[in-house]
Amino acid sequence: GMETNSKKGCWVWVGHLGIMLAVLVTCCVPVSHTFKVAVVGGGIGGAATAYYTNKYTSGAADIVIFEKNDLLGGRLKHLYVPPPSDPVWGSGGPLFRESSGGERRANEQSGGGNNGESGVVVNVGGDAWAVVNEYMVELQKALQWPLDNSDNGGNGQIGVYAGNGHWLPSPFSDYIQEAALLALAETFRFNLWENYFYRGQTPFGTIDEFLYHGDLGAYTKTTAQKYLSPWISQSFLNGTVLPLTRVIYDQDLDASAFAALVAVTSAIGGSYTVAGGNDLAVLSLAQTSKARVELSTAVTAITYGSTNSNGNTRFRITSTSKNTTSTDEFDAVVLAAPVEFLNISFGPGLMPPNLSMRPFVHWFVTMVVAKGLNPLYFGRAVNSTVPDDILTAGNSTTPFVSISIQAAFPSNNYKVYKLFSNGDVRNVVKSIFINLRDVYVQHWPYTFPRLSPVPSSERPQYQPIIWHPGMYYLNTMESVASAMEGSVIAAHNVALLISQ
């Protein structure tokens, strides 16, 4: 018996040794190349894709971010505004200062204005993200983004303006209707959390798969008007939900219920902003990912390349930087910008057939330093108070969609305002504001896709996430809701698909 057991134990040991040797041989055999991932687009979606890919491959992937502009951030951007001291329009030089190459200017770190007052940083792109998004909360904690909790210095009033001196009742002035809307918004928030909880680390291959948990498809297949009108009066929809949807997405109640409830949730549920500008979150993600960042580099063509050691076809990317053309091959490619604006030549068979192109909303963002809003422009008496935050009604005749206060300088009563509009309003801001000091205009040629409902029978209209094995597309998520949160969800998902 002992001899038999001894022999058995010996064979077990030899068997284990064989397995160990096999594992060692397998792990130590050199591969023909490093697994390479190309991310096309250096906004928050692209940077988050690099971050999560590095995390879920335990740093084994060689990641390159291609960004056609000279700084990371995409549609996130910040300006620095020093304390204004010159009250005369057009004199004293411009106040608004851009950051160069994503780096903070030295004078952003110092004060030195009136009475030692410090300058302020204002976001020109995405303002904030909702606290309901767990991925953003996790990233903020993991990367220790400092949050901006400063008071914007406004008068605390919000108004809805229809033009020609006509104001609608203040938003949320009907407490019964407000309670009904809050209940719908809380249900929406719970469904978002349920979606996050049940998806976990399981990637989704289509938008339908994403919408399944929490029954989010119930919000995307119908308009805000149809979904909300059984519980909310039309006057409250027009005076509250519609203005909020306009300021967030520049769209009306024909937008999906998902989009409208995102706008409502953003207004009532709390939000976060990174101190120093939300684009600094993009820099943090890219730096932590250890990706190589190619700025001022436009990807001009993507074709099939050679076959890698696993028998999978690689992708050949052609890029141009400073009149120099380069070519490299990658095992995976992530398109992290709207396909409608990529300007990339795709090789035969790479672009999905019948790919629908979405209409987009474009926006002018106008930043203003002034001492306040002109009461006469808004049909009010001289020296009367005008709300520092103004939304607009659906039938508004104003040249702007919204006005919001961003910061204030108490020492001399100057304020920094942001205007959203569909056209250039530089010619009218002198009438809208008093003691205008400086103006800065940023035109975003594409801001949001039209967030129209997609009925169940037409779900294939969503652009695909997986174009080919190893080739992925982030920005179809924008057809559900365009936001920093959506970009990060899409990035997290694609990184899981790559790692698995």
Foldseek 3Di string as FASTA:
>chain_A
DVVVVVVVVVVVVVVVVVVVVVVVVVVPDDFPDQFEEEEEAQALLSLLLLLLLCVLQVNRYAYEYEAQALAGHVQKFKWKFADDDDLDAPPPDFGTHGDGRPDDDPLQVAHPDVVRGRIAMAILGAHWAFPLQPLVVVLCVVLVFAWDPDDQPFPPDEWAAQFPLDTAPGACPDVQLVVLLVVVLVLVSVLVVQLCVVCPLPFDFFVVVSCPGSVVLVQQFAFLCVVCVVRHPPSNQQGYLQLLLCVAAVDGRQFTSLSSSSSVCPVPRDTTAGGPTNSVSSVSSNVSSVHHYDYSKAWAEKEWDPAGPVRHIWIWIWIDHPNDIDIDTHQFYEHQDQPVPNNHHYDPLQADPPQDHFAFQKKKKKKWKALFWAQVSNVHDPPDDDGQWYAYGPNHPDQFGIKHWRHADVVVNITMMITIGRDDCPVPVPVTGHSTHHMDMDIGGGRATRLHRQHPVRSVNQGTQDSDQRYGYQPSLSSSPDDSSSSSSSSSSVSSSVSD
